[in-house]
Amino acid sequence: MSIVLEIGTKNYVDDLLLIKKALSHMESLVDGYNGYVLSEPSSKFGWTFFKLAFKSNLQNGIEEKFSDMIAKYEWTDQPNKFAKFMTDYFISKGCDVKIKLSD
């Protein structure tokens, strides 16, 4: 199952660049190149929202390489643990974003 995250930001241009750099770095760590798809952004109330869909090669690589870190999150299901891990990863790379699992 591919995970899709909905990302909200107040500074789309800067955060998008940081997210792409962070994902590029993650791809090189897990050998999961071309492993994600970004949707077109939509804006409302000063926020810009877009979706980030992980392809299975990148998602599986992240889950395998960082399984010990992901397992420490207190969520009960794997998709929420993965979303929280990616949120913390993006924040550590300087992104000021809000992330939730997309329905």
PDB file of N, CA and C in Angstrom:
ATOM      1  N   MET A   1       0.832  -1.181   0.000  1.00  0.00           N
ATOM      2  CA  MET A   1       0.000   0.000   0.000  1.00  0.00           C
ATOM      3  C   MET A   1       0.876   1.244   0.000  1.00  0.00           C
ATOM      4  N   SER A   2       0.649   2.113  -0.944  1.00  0.00           N
ATOM      5  CA  SER A   2       1.420   3.349  -1.002  1.00  0.00           C
ATOM      6  C   SER A   2       0.805   4.390  -0.078  1.00  0.00           C
ATOM      7  N   ILE A   3       1.667   5.070   0.639  1.00  0.00           N
ATOM      8  CA  ILE A   3       1.222   6.103   1.566  1.00  0.00           C
ATOM      9  C   ILE A   3       1.182   7.440   0.842  1.00  0.00           C
ATOM     10  N   VAL A   4       0.109   8.190   1.080  1.00  0.00           N
ATOM     11  CA  VAL A   4      -0.044   9.532   0.527  1.00  0.00           C
ATOM     12  C   VAL A   4      -0.187  10.487   1.697  1.00  0.00           C
ATOM     13  N   LEU A   5       0.679  11.495   1.727  1.00  0.00           N
ATOM     14  CA  LEU A   5       0.636  12.505   2.773  1.00  0.00           C
ATOM     15  C   LEU A   5       0.084  13.794   2.212  1.00  0.00           C
ATOM     16  N   GLU A   6      -0.713  14.499   3.013  1.00  0.00           N
ATOM     17  CA  GLU A   6      -1.167  15.834   2.649  1.00  0.00           C
ATOM     18  C   GLU A   6      -0.311  16.814   3.441  1.00  0.00           C
ATOM     19  N   ILE A   7       0.312  17.730   2.713  1.00  0.00           N
ATOM     20  CA  ILE A   7       1.249  18.666   3.325  1.00  0.00           C
ATOM     21  C   ILE A   7       0.681  20.071   3.231  1.00  0.00           C
ATOM     22  N   GLY A   8       0.755  20.792   4.343  1.00  0.00           N
ATOM     23  CA  GLY A   8       0.326  22.178   4.381  1.00  0.00           C
ATOM     24  C   GLY A   8       1.498  23.066   4.749  1.00  0.00           C
ATOM     25  N   THR A   9       1.634  24.179   4.038  1.00  0.00           N
ATOM     26  CA  THR A   9       2.733  25.097   4.291  1.00  0.00           C
ATOM     27  C   THR A   9       2.277  26.538   4.082  1.00  0.00           C
ATOM     28  N   LYS A  10       2.924  27.447   4.783  1.00  0.00           N
ATOM     29  CA  LYS A  10       2.657  28.870   4.592  1.00  0.00           C
ATOM     30  C   LYS A  10       3.675  29.494   3.641  1.00  0.00           C
ATOM     31  N   ASN A  11       4.722  28.748   3.321  1.00  0.00           N
ATOM     32  CA  ASN A  11       5.763  29.245   2.428  1.00  0.00           C
ATOM     33  C   ASN A  11       6.056  28.159   1.390  1.00  0.00           C
ATOM     34  N   TYR A  12       5.180  28.034   0.420  1.00  0.00           N
ATOM     35  CA  TYR A  12       5.210  26.919  -0.533  1.00  0.00           C
ATOM     36  C   TYR A  12       6.532  26.810  -1.287  1.00  0.00           C
ATOM     37  N   VAL A  13       7.004  27.903  -1.837  1.00  0.00           N
ATOM     38  CA  VAL A  13       8.200  27.845  -2.697  1.00  0.00           C
ATOM     39  C   VAL A  13       9.411  27.346  -1.917  1.00  0.00           C
ATOM     40  N   ASP A  14       9.654  27.934  -0.757  1.00  0.00           N
ATOM     41  CA  ASP A  14      10.823  27.536   0.029  1.00  0.00           C
ATOM     42  C   ASP A  14      10.688  26.122   0.583  1.00  0.00           C
ATOM     43  N   ASP A  15       9.510  25.807   1.134  1.00  0.00           N
ATOM     44  CA  ASP A  15       9.326  24.477   1.706  1.00  0.00           C
ATOM     45  C   ASP A  15       9.338  23.387   0.638  1.00  0.00           C
ATOM     46  N   LEU A  16       8.800  23.672  -0.539  1.00  0.00           N
ATOM     47  CA  LEU A  16       8.839  22.678  -1.615  1.00  0.00           C
ATOM     48  C   LEU A  16      10.284  22.355  -1.990  1.00  0.00           C
ATOM     49  N   LEU A  17      11.123  23.376  -2.086  1.00  0.00           N
ATOM     50  CA  LEU A  17      12.536  23.149  -2.395  1.00  0.00           C
ATOM     51  C   LEU A  17      13.195  22.309  -1.299  1.00  0.00           C
ATOM     52  N   LEU A  18      12.928  22.637  -0.036  1.00  0.00           N
ATOM     53  CA  LEU A  18      13.506  21.870   1.067  1.00  0.00           C
ATOM     54  C   LEU A  18      13.003  20.427   1.078  1.00  0.00           C
ATOM     55  N   ILE A  19      11.730  20.238   0.775  1.00  0.00           N
ATOM     56  CA  ILE A  19      11.167  18.885   0.730  1.00  0.00           C
ATOM     57  C   ILE A  19      11.812  18.077  -0.390  1.00  0.00           C
ATOM     58  N   LYS A  20      11.967  18.688  -1.555  1.00  0.00           N
ATOM     59  CA  LYS A  20      12.601  17.975  -2.670  1.00  0.00           C
ATOM     60  C   LYS A  20      14.043  17.607  -2.344  1.00  0.00           C
ATOM     61  N   LYS A  21      14.777  18.512  -1.685  1.00  0.00           N
ATOM     62  CA  LYS A  21      16.154  18.211  -1.289  1.00  0.00           C
ATOM     63  C   LYS A  21      16.174  17.078  -0.265  1.00  0.00           C
ATOM     64  N   ALA A  22      15.252  17.138   0.710  1.00  0.00           N
ATOM     65  CA  ALA A  22      15.196  16.100   1.742  1.00  0.00           C
ATOM     66  C   ALA A  22      14.846  14.746   1.130  1.00  0.00           C
ATOM     67  N   LEU A  23      13.894  14.729   0.197  1.00  0.00           N
ATOM     68  CA  LEU A  23      13.518  13.475  -0.455  1.00  0.00           C
ATOM     69  C   LEU A  23      14.646  12.945  -1.332  1.00  0.00           C
ATOM     70  N   SER A  24      15.366  13.833  -1.986  1.00  0.00           N
ATOM     71  CA  SER A  24      16.514  13.412  -2.794  1.00  0.00           C
ATOM     72  C   SER A  24      17.569  12.752  -1.904  1.00  0.00           C
ATOM     73  N   HIS A  25      17.817  13.350  -0.755  1.00  0.00           N
ATOM     74  CA  HIS A  25      18.769  12.780   0.186  1.00  0.00           C
ATOM     75  C   HIS A  25      18.288  11.412   0.670  1.00  0.00           C
ATOM     76  N   MET A  26      16.998  11.323   0.992  1.00  0.00           N
ATOM     77  CA  MET A  26      16.432  10.054   1.451  1.00  0.00           C
ATOM     78  C   MET A  26      16.521   8.999   0.352  1.00  0.00           C
ATOM     79  N   GLU A  27      16.241   9.392  -0.887  1.00  0.00           N
ATOM     80  CA  GLU A  27      16.341   8.442  -2.008  1.00  0.00           C
ATOM     81  C   GLU A  27      17.747   7.876  -2.126  1.00  0.00           C
ATOM     82  N   SER A  28      18.762   8.739  -1.947  1.00  0.00           N
ATOM     83  CA  SER A  28      20.138   8.256  -2.059  1.00  0.00           C
ATOM     84  C   SER A  28      20.493   7.328  -0.890  1.00  0.00           C
ATOM     85  N   LEU A  29      19.896   7.557   0.284  1.00  0.00           N
ATOM     86  CA  LEU A  29      20.170   6.694   1.433  1.00  0.00           C
ATOM     87  C   LEU A  29      19.606   5.297   1.261  1.00  0.00           C
ATOM     88  N   VAL A  30      18.444   5.188   0.611  1.00  0.00           N
ATOM     89  CA  VAL A  30      17.761   3.892   0.530  1.00  0.00           C
ATOM     90  C   VAL A  30      17.727   3.320  -0.888  1.00  0.00           C
ATOM     91  N   ASP A  31      18.434   3.940  -1.828  1.00  0.00           N
ATOM     92  CA  ASP A  31      18.451   3.503  -3.225  1.00  0.00           C
ATOM     93  C   ASP A  31      17.045   3.387  -3.800  1.00  0.00           C
ATOM     94  N   GLY A  32      16.217   4.404  -3.561  1.00  0.00           N
ATOM     95  CA  GLY A  32      14.838   4.404  -4.042  1.00  0.00           C
ATOM     96  C   GLY A  32      14.577   5.599  -4.930  1.00  0.00           C
ATOM     97  N   TYR A  33      15.246   5.651  -6.053  1.00  0.00           N
ATOM     98  CA  TYR A  33      15.183   6.833  -6.916  1.00  0.00           C
ATOM     99  C   TYR A  33      13.856   6.942  -7.646  1.00  0.00           C
ATOM    100  N   ASN A  34      13.465   8.186  -7.931  1.00  0.00           N
ATOM    101  CA  ASN A  34      12.190   8.497  -8.583  1.00  0.00           C
ATOM    102  C   ASN A  34      11.047   7.846  -7.797  1.00  0.00           C
ATOM    103  N   GLY A  35      11.092   8.037  -6.469  1.00  0.00           N
ATOM    104  CA  GLY A  35      10.204   7.301  -5.579  1.00  0.00           C
ATOM    105  C   GLY A  35       9.006   8.044  -5.044  1.00  0.00           C
ATOM    106  N   TYR A  36       8.685   9.204  -5.624  1.00  0.00           N
ATOM    107  CA  TYR A  36       7.536   9.941  -5.117  1.00  0.00           C
ATOM    108  C   TYR A  36       6.899  10.777  -6.217  1.00  0.00           C
ATOM    109  N   VAL A  37       5.655  11.204  -5.957  1.00  0.00           N
ATOM    110  CA  VAL A  37       4.909  12.045  -6.885  1.00  0.00           C
ATOM    111  C   VAL A  37       4.269  13.167  -6.072  1.00  0.00           C
ATOM    112  N   LEU A  38       4.371  14.393  -6.572  1.00  0.00           N
ATOM    113  CA  LEU A  38       3.757  15.557  -5.931  1.00  0.00           C
ATOM    114  C   LEU A  38       2.538  15.997  -6.732  1.00  0.00           C
ATOM    115  N   SER A  39       1.467  16.355  -6.037  1.00  0.00           N
ATOM    116  CA  SER A  39       0.276  16.856  -6.721  1.00  0.00           C
ATOM    117  C   SER A  39       0.394  18.357  -6.956  1.00  0.00           C
ATOM    118  N   GLU A  40      -0.548  18.878  -7.715  1.00  0.00           N
ATOM    119  CA  GLU A  40      -0.619  20.327  -7.909  1.00  0.00           C
ATOM    120  C   GLU A  40      -1.063  20.970  -6.593  1.00  0.00           C
ATOM    121  N   PRO A  41      -0.517  22.134  -6.262  1.00  0.00           N
ATOM    122  CA  PRO A  41      -0.891  22.789  -5.008  1.00  0.00           C
ATOM    123  C   PRO A  41      -2.237  23.507  -5.110  1.00  0.00           C
ATOM    124  N   SER A  42      -2.869  23.654  -3.962  1.00  0.00           N
ATOM    125  CA  SER A  42      -4.060  24.489  -3.866  1.00  0.00           C
ATOM    126  C   SER A  42      -3.895  25.366  -2.629  1.00  0.00           C
ATOM    127  N   SER A  43      -4.393  26.590  -2.705  1.00  0.00           N
ATOM    128  CA  SER A  43      -4.201  27.550  -1.617  1.00  0.00           C
ATOM    129  C   SER A  43      -5.523  27.996  -1.037  1.00  0.00           C
ATOM    130  N   LYS A  44      -5.511  28.172   0.291  1.00  0.00           N
ATOM    131  CA  LYS A  44      -6.641  28.791   0.975  1.00  0.00           C
ATOM    132  C   LYS A  44      -6.205  29.253   2.361  1.00  0.00           C
ATOM    133  N   PHE A  45      -6.723  30.407   2.747  1.00  0.00           N
ATOM    134  CA  PHE A  45      -6.472  30.996   4.062  1.00  0.00           C
ATOM    135  C   PHE A  45      -4.987  31.184   4.363  1.00  0.00           C
ATOM    136  N   GLY A  46      -4.182  31.496   3.364  1.00  0.00           N
ATOM    137  CA  GLY A  46      -2.756  31.725   3.567  1.00  0.00           C
ATOM    138  C   GLY A  46      -1.906  30.464   3.591  1.00  0.00           C
ATOM    139  N   TRP A  47      -2.536  29.318   3.447  1.00  0.00           N
ATOM    140  CA  TRP A  47      -1.825  28.045   3.421  1.00  0.00           C
ATOM    141  C   TRP A  47      -1.860  27.467   2.013  1.00  0.00           C
ATOM    142  N   THR A  48      -0.839  26.718   1.672  1.00  0.00           N
ATOM    143  CA  THR A  48      -0.826  25.971   0.422  1.00  0.00           C
ATOM    144  C   THR A  48      -0.765  24.492   0.767  1.00  0.00           C
ATOM    145  N   PHE A  49      -1.629  23.721   0.121  1.00  0.00           N
ATOM    146  CA  PHE A  49      -1.716  22.285   0.377  1.00  0.00           C
ATOM    147  C   PHE A  49      -1.386  21.503  -0.888  1.00  0.00           C
ATOM    148  N   PHE A  50      -0.678  20.406  -0.701  1.00  0.00           N
ATOM    149  CA  PHE A  50      -0.403  19.501  -1.821  1.00  0.00           C
ATOM    150  C   PHE A  50      -0.205  18.104  -1.263  1.00  0.00           C
ATOM    151  N   LYS A  51      -0.269  17.124  -2.135  1.00  0.00           N
ATOM    152  CA  LYS A  51      -0.113  15.738  -1.712  1.00  0.00           C
ATOM    153  C   LYS A  51       1.228  15.191  -2.174  1.00  0.00           C
ATOM    154  N   LEU A  52       1.774  14.343  -1.340  1.00  0.00           N
ATOM    155  CA  LEU A  52       3.027  13.661  -1.619  1.00  0.00           C
ATOM    156  C   LEU A  52       2.739  12.164  -1.557  1.00  0.00           C
ATOM    157  N   ALA A  53       2.814  11.507  -2.707  1.00  0.00           N
ATOM    158  CA  ALA A  53       2.563  10.064  -2.785  1.00  0.00           C
ATOM    159  C   ALA A  53       3.904   9.343  -2.924  1.00  0.00           C
ATOM    160  N   PHE A  54       4.114   8.380  -2.046  1.00  0.00           N
ATOM    161  CA  PHE A  54       5.340   7.591  -2.095  1.00  0.00           C
ATOM    162  C   PHE A  54       5.133   6.383  -2.990  1.00  0.00           C
ATOM    163  N   LYS A  55       6.095   6.120  -3.862  1.00  0.00           N
ATOM    164  CA  LYS A  55       6.087   4.884  -4.632  1.00  0.00           C
ATOM    165  C   LYS A  55       6.652   3.785  -3.737  1.00  0.00           C
ATOM    166  N   SER A  56       6.309   2.560  -4.038  1.00  0.00           N
ATOM    167  CA  SER A  56       6.653   1.452  -3.152  1.00  0.00           C
ATOM    168  C   SER A  56       8.159   1.297  -2.938  1.00  0.00           C
ATOM    169  N   ASN A  57       8.981   1.585  -3.961  1.00  0.00           N
ATOM    170  CA  ASN A  57      10.428   1.397  -3.793  1.00  0.00           C
ATOM    171  C   ASN A  57      10.995   2.332  -2.726  1.00  0.00           C
ATOM    172  N   LEU A  58      10.565   3.579  -2.697  1.00  0.00           N
ATOM    173  CA  LEU A  58      11.061   4.526  -1.701  1.00  0.00           C
ATOM    174  C   LEU A  58      10.441   4.236  -0.340  1.00  0.00           C
ATOM    175  N   GLN A  59       9.147   4.027  -0.306  1.00  0.00           N
ATOM    176  CA  GLN A  59       8.464   3.760   0.960  1.00  0.00           C
ATOM    177  C   GLN A  59       9.044   2.523   1.646  1.00  0.00           C
ATOM    178  N   ASN A  60       9.201   1.433   0.900  1.00  0.00           N
ATOM    179  CA  ASN A  60       9.755   0.202   1.472  1.00  0.00           C
ATOM    180  C   ASN A  60      11.191   0.396   1.935  1.00  0.00           C
ATOM    181  N   GLY A  61      11.958   1.147   1.167  1.00  0.00           N
ATOM    182  CA  GLY A  61      13.347   1.421   1.547  1.00  0.00           C
ATOM    183  C   GLY A  61      13.437   2.191   2.853  1.00  0.00           C
ATOM    184  N   ILE A  62      12.571   3.199   3.008  1.00  0.00           N
ATOM    185  CA  ILE A  62      12.549   3.991   4.248  1.00  0.00           C
ATOM    186  C   ILE A  62      12.122   3.111   5.415  1.00  0.00           C
ATOM    187  N   GLU A  63      11.067   2.335   5.210  1.00  0.00           N
ATOM    188  CA  GLU A  63      10.558   1.483   6.293  1.00  0.00           C
ATOM    189  C   GLU A  63      11.583   0.437   6.726  1.00  0.00           C
ATOM    190  N   GLU A  64      12.381  -0.065   5.787  1.00  0.00           N
ATOM    191  CA  GLU A  64      13.397  -1.054   6.137  1.00  0.00           C
ATOM    192  C   GLU A  64      14.590  -0.408   6.837  1.00  0.00           C
ATOM    193  N   LYS A  65      15.104   0.673   6.260  1.00  0.00           N
ATOM    194  CA  LYS A  65      16.306   1.305   6.799  1.00  0.00           C
ATOM    195  C   LYS A  65      16.068   1.944   8.161  1.00  0.00           C
ATOM    196  N   PHE A  66      14.889   2.514   8.355  1.00  0.00           N
ATOM    197  CA  PHE A  66      14.599   3.230   9.594  1.00  0.00           C
ATOM    198  C   PHE A  66      13.543   2.527  10.447  1.00  0.00           C
ATOM    199  N   SER A  67      13.438   1.222  10.320  1.00  0.00           N
ATOM    200  CA  SER A  67      12.396   0.465  11.019  1.00  0.00           C
ATOM    201  C   SER A  67      12.474   0.646  12.537  1.00  0.00           C
ATOM    202  N   ASP A  68      13.693   0.699  13.080  1.00  0.00           N
ATOM    203  CA  ASP A  68      13.823   0.865  14.530  1.00  0.00           C
ATOM    204  C   ASP A  68      13.323   2.231  14.991  1.00  0.00           C
ATOM    205  N   MET A  69      13.574   3.262  14.209  1.00  0.00           N
ATOM    206  CA  MET A  69      13.108   4.605  14.567  1.00  0.00           C
ATOM    207  C   MET A  69      11.590   4.721  14.395  1.00  0.00           C
ATOM    208  N   ILE A  70      11.067   4.182  13.315  1.00  0.00           N
ATOM    209  CA  ILE A  70       9.631   4.252  13.037  1.00  0.00           C
ATOM    210  C   ILE A  70       8.852   3.492  14.106  1.00  0.00           C
ATOM    211  N   ALA A  71       9.384   2.370  14.550  1.00  0.00           N
ATOM    212  CA  ALA A  71       8.697   1.538  15.540  1.00  0.00           C
ATOM    213  C   ALA A  71       8.522   2.255  16.878  1.00  0.00           C
ATOM    214  N   LYS A  72       9.347   3.245  17.171  1.00  0.00           N
ATOM    215  CA  LYS A  72       9.282   3.944  18.457  1.00  0.00           C
ATOM    216  C   LYS A  72       8.121   4.930  18.556  1.00  0.00           C
ATOM    217  N   TYR A  73       7.504   5.273  17.440  1.00  0.00           N
ATOM    218  CA  TYR A  73       6.367   6.195  17.500  1.00  0.00           C
ATOM    219  C   TYR A  73       5.182   5.491  18.131  1.00  0.00           C
ATOM    220  N   GLU A  74       4.383   6.244  18.866  1.00  0.00           N
ATOM    221  CA  GLU A  74       3.320   5.652  19.669  1.00  0.00           C
ATOM    222  C   GLU A  74       2.025   5.364  18.914  1.00  0.00           C
ATOM    223  N   TRP A  75       1.972   5.649  17.647  1.00  0.00           N
ATOM    224  CA  TRP A  75       0.773   5.331  16.872  1.00  0.00           C
ATOM    225  C   TRP A  75       0.633   3.822  16.777  1.00  0.00           C
ATOM    226  N   THR A  76      -0.594   3.353  16.615  1.00  0.00           N
ATOM    227  CA  THR A  76      -0.803   1.914  16.561  1.00  0.00           C
ATOM    228  C   THR A  76      -0.613   1.332  15.173  1.00  0.00           C
ATOM    229  N   ASP A  77      -0.849   2.122  14.150  1.00  0.00           N
ATOM    230  CA  ASP A  77      -0.738   1.572  12.798  1.00  0.00           C
ATOM    231  C   ASP A  77       0.482   2.128  12.066  1.00  0.00           C
ATOM    232  N   GLN A  78       0.987   1.319  11.163  1.00  0.00           N
ATOM    233  CA  GLN A  78       2.204   1.647  10.423  1.00  0.00           C
ATOM    234  C   GLN A  78       2.082   2.926   9.583  1.00  0.00           C
ATOM    235  N   PRO A  79       0.982   3.175   8.866  1.00  0.00           N
ATOM    236  CA  PRO A  79       0.897   4.405   8.079  1.00  0.00           C
ATOM    237  C   PRO A  79       1.046   5.677   8.919  1.00  0.00           C
ATOM    238  N   ASN A  80       0.443   5.716  10.101  1.00  0.00           N
ATOM    239  CA  ASN A  80       0.581   6.892  10.964  1.00  0.00           C
ATOM    240  C   ASN A  80       1.990   7.030  11.520  1.00  0.00           C
ATOM    241  N   LYS A  81       2.620   5.914  11.843  1.00  0.00           N
ATOM    242  CA  LYS A  81       4.006   5.947  12.300  1.00  0.00           C
ATOM    243  C   LYS A  81       4.912   6.494  11.188  1.00  0.00           C
ATOM    244  N   PHE A  82       4.679   6.030   9.964  1.00  0.00           N
ATOM    245  CA  PHE A  82       5.461   6.489   8.821  1.00  0.00           C
ATOM    246  C   PHE A  82       5.258   7.994   8.615  1.00  0.00           C
ATOM    247  N   ALA A  83       4.005   8.458   8.697  1.00  0.00           N
ATOM    248  CA  ALA A  83       3.702   9.881   8.506  1.00  0.00           C
ATOM    249  C   ALA A  83       4.393  10.730   9.569  1.00  0.00           C
ATOM    250  N   LYS A  84       4.385  10.285  10.807  1.00  0.00           N
ATOM    251  CA  LYS A  84       5.042  11.040  11.877  1.00  0.00           C
ATOM    252  C   LYS A  84       6.549  11.050  11.679  1.00  0.00           C
ATOM    253  N   PHE A  85       7.108   9.917  11.267  1.00  0.00           N
ATOM    254  CA  PHE A  85       8.550   9.868  10.987  1.00  0.00           C
ATOM    255  C   PHE A  85       8.912  10.860   9.889  1.00  0.00           C
ATOM    256  N   MET A  86       8.134  10.883   8.806  1.00  0.00           N
ATOM    257  CA  MET A  86       8.429  11.802   7.707  1.00  0.00           C
ATOM    258  C   MET A  86       8.239  13.255   8.131  1.00  0.00           C
ATOM    259  N   THR A  87       7.246  13.522   8.982  1.00  0.00           N
ATOM    260  CA  THR A  87       7.057  14.878   9.509  1.00  0.00           C
ATOM    261  C   THR A  87       8.308  15.321  10.256  1.00  0.00           C
ATOM    262  N   ASP A  88       8.780  14.490  11.157  1.00  0.00           N
ATOM    263  CA  ASP A  88       9.980  14.824  11.930  1.00  0.00           C
ATOM    264  C   ASP A  88      11.204  14.955  11.026  1.00  0.00           C
ATOM    265  N   TYR A  89      11.293  14.118  10.001  1.00  0.00           N
ATOM    266  CA  TYR A  89      12.410  14.185   9.063  1.00  0.00           C
ATOM    267  C   TYR A  89      12.398  15.529   8.320  1.00  0.00           C
ATOM    268  N   PHE A  90      11.236  15.924   7.798  1.00  0.00           N
ATOM    269  CA  PHE A  90      11.161  17.200   7.080  1.00  0.00           C
ATOM    270  C   PHE A  90      11.455  18.376   7.996  1.00  0.00           C
ATOM    271  N   ILE A  91      10.957  18.347   9.217  1.00  0.00           N
ATOM    272  CA  ILE A  91      11.226  19.426  10.172  1.00  0.00           C
ATOM    273  C   ILE A  91      12.720  19.508  10.467  1.00  0.00           C
ATOM    274  N   SER A  92      13.381  18.354  10.584  1.00  0.00           N
ATOM    275  CA  SER A  92      14.827  18.340  10.845  1.00  0.00           C
ATOM    276  C   SER A  92      15.617  18.922   9.674  1.00  0.00           C
ATOM    277  N   LYS A  93      15.010  18.935   8.498  1.00  0.00           N
ATOM    278  CA  LYS A  93      15.657  19.494   7.307  1.00  0.00           C
ATOM    279  C   LYS A  93      15.265  20.958   7.081  1.00  0.00           C
ATOM    280  N   GLY A  94      14.541  21.569   8.038  1.00  0.00           N
ATOM    281  CA  GLY A  94      14.222  22.989   7.952  1.00  0.00           C
ATOM    282  C   GLY A  94      12.863  23.320   7.379  1.00  0.00           C
ATOM    283  N   CYS A  95      12.044  22.324   7.098  1.00  0.00           N
ATOM    284  CA  CYS A  95      10.708  22.571   6.544  1.00  0.00           C
ATOM    285  C   CYS A  95       9.746  22.909   7.672  1.00  0.00           C
ATOM    286  N   ASP A  96       8.979  23.974   7.503  1.00  0.00           N
ATOM    287  CA  ASP A  96       7.959  24.343   8.477  1.00  0.00           C
ATOM    288  C   ASP A  96       6.606  23.932   7.896  1.00  0.00           C
ATOM    289  N   VAL A  97       6.290  22.647   8.018  1.00  0.00           N
ATOM    290  CA  VAL A  97       5.103  22.089   7.382  1.00  0.00           C
ATOM    291  C   VAL A  97       4.247  21.327   8.383  1.00  0.00           C
ATOM    292  N   LYS A  98       2.988  21.188   8.041  1.00  0.00           N
ATOM    293  CA  LYS A  98       2.059  20.327   8.777  1.00  0.00           C
ATOM    294  C   LYS A  98       1.724  19.170   7.843  1.00  0.00           C
ATOM    295  N   ILE A  99       1.739  17.954   8.391  1.00  0.00           N
ATOM    296  CA  ILE A  99       1.536  16.774   7.563  1.00  0.00           C
ATOM    297  C   ILE A  99       0.494  15.867   8.196  1.00  0.00           C
ATOM    298  N   LYS A 100      -0.377  15.314   7.355  1.00  0.00           N
ATOM    299  CA  LYS A 100      -1.321  14.301   7.812  1.00  0.00           C
ATOM    300  C   LYS A 100      -1.479  13.273   6.709  1.00  0.00           C
ATOM    301  N   LEU A 101      -1.944  12.092   7.098  1.00  0.00           N
ATOM    302  CA  LEU A 101      -2.233  11.057   6.109  1.00  0.00           C
ATOM    303  C   LEU A 101      -3.411  11.509   5.267  1.00  0.00           C
ATOM    304  N   SER A 102      -3.325  11.269   3.992  1.00  0.00           N
ATOM    305  CA  SER A 102      -4.422  11.621   3.099  1.00  0.00           C
ATOM    306  C   SER A 102      -5.418  10.465   3.054  1.00  0.00           C
ATOM    307  N   ASP A 103      -6.685  10.816   2.982  1.00  0.00           N
ATOM    308  CA  ASP A 103      -7.733   9.786   2.932  1.00  0.00           C
ATOM    309  C   ASP A 103      -7.784   9.118   1.582  1.00  0.00           C
TER     310      ASP A 103
END
